[in-house]
Amino acid sequence: MSDSVKITVRPNGPLLVAGAIELSDVNGKQWDLAGKPAVALCRCGASANRPFCDGSHNRIGFQGADSPE
């Protein structure tokens, strides 16, 4: 298993994070991501399931900066 992590910025959507993922809150509590090779993290702030995406970006018409340029 590779220790690399790949993060893809989805157009006007979430951040897709794949690889050896450990996700924790500010207090160090970790989410159980066992068996999940990838997760979609909310970028718009409207998800009811933060930090994970629930598709709310579509409902609110989120427009994100999708390019590093």
Protein backbone atom coordinates (compact mmCIF):
# COMPACT_ATOMS: atom_id res chain seq x y z
CA MET A 1 0.00 0.00 0.00
CA SER A 2 1.30 3.42 -0.93
CA ASP A 3 1.55 6.18 1.65
CA SER A 4 0.81 8.83 -0.94
CA VAL A 5 -2.34 10.93 -0.83
CA LYS A 6 -3.96 12.47 -3.90
CA ILE A 7 -6.23 15.51 -3.56
CA THR A 8 -8.35 16.52 -6.55
CA VAL A 9 -10.29 19.79 -6.66
CA ARG A 10 -13.64 19.03 -8.28
CA PRO A 11 -15.09 21.85 -10.42
CA ASN A 12 -17.47 23.79 -8.17
CA GLY A 13 -17.54 20.80 -5.83
CA PRO A 14 -15.69 18.99 -3.07
CA LEU A 15 -12.08 18.06 -2.54
CA LEU A 16 -11.62 14.38 -3.38
CA VAL A 17 -8.96 12.88 -1.12
CA ALA A 18 -7.62 9.41 -1.91
CA GLY A 19 -4.87 7.33 -0.39
CA ALA A 20 -3.70 6.61 3.15
CA ILE A 21 -6.07 9.05 4.86
CA GLU A 22 -6.25 9.96 8.53
CA LEU A 23 -8.78 12.69 9.29
CA SER A 24 -9.06 14.29 12.71
CA ASP A 25 -10.72 17.32 14.28
CA VAL A 26 -8.94 20.12 16.15
CA ASN A 27 -9.02 18.04 19.36
CA GLY A 28 -7.43 14.99 17.72
CA LYS A 29 -10.61 12.89 17.50
CA GLN A 30 -10.41 10.79 14.34
CA TRP A 31 -13.14 9.81 11.91
CA ASP A 32 -13.34 6.10 11.14
CA LEU A 33 -12.41 5.84 7.48
CA ALA A 34 -11.71 2.10 7.51
CA GLY A 35 -12.45 0.57 4.13
CA LYS A 36 -12.80 3.94 2.41
CA PRO A 37 -10.14 4.42 -0.27
CA ALA A 38 -11.31 8.01 -0.82
CA VAL A 39 -13.51 10.69 0.74
CA ALA A 40 -15.10 13.89 -0.57
CA LEU A 41 -14.53 16.87 1.73
CA CYS A 42 -16.90 19.84 1.67
CA ARG A 43 -15.49 22.99 0.16
CA CYS A 44 -18.63 25.16 0.07
CA GLY A 45 -19.42 25.14 3.81
CA ALA A 46 -23.09 24.20 3.30
CA SER A 47 -22.90 20.43 3.92
CA ALA A 48 -25.01 19.08 6.77
CA ASN A 49 -22.44 16.27 7.05
CA ARG A 50 -19.25 18.37 7.39
CA PRO A 51 -16.42 17.80 6.92
CA PHE A 52 -17.80 15.48 4.23
CA CYS A 53 -19.62 16.61 1.10
CA ASP A 54 -23.36 15.91 0.85
CA GLY A 55 -23.93 17.58 -2.53
CA SER A 56 -25.11 20.90 -1.07
CA HIS A 57 -22.76 22.76 -3.42
CA ASN A 58 -25.24 21.98 -6.22
CA ARG A 59 -28.19 23.36 -4.25
CA ILE A 60 -26.47 26.64 -3.34
CA GLY A 61 -24.74 27.18 -6.70
CA PHE A 62 -21.23 27.12 -5.24
CA GLN A 63 -18.58 28.54 -7.58
CA GLY A 64 -15.03 27.61 -6.57
CA ALA A 65 -11.63 28.65 -7.80
CA ASP A 66 -10.59 25.42 -9.53
CA SER A 67 -7.21 26.35 -10.95
CA PRO A 68 -3.87 27.06 -9.30
CA GLU A 69 -3.27 29.84 -11.84
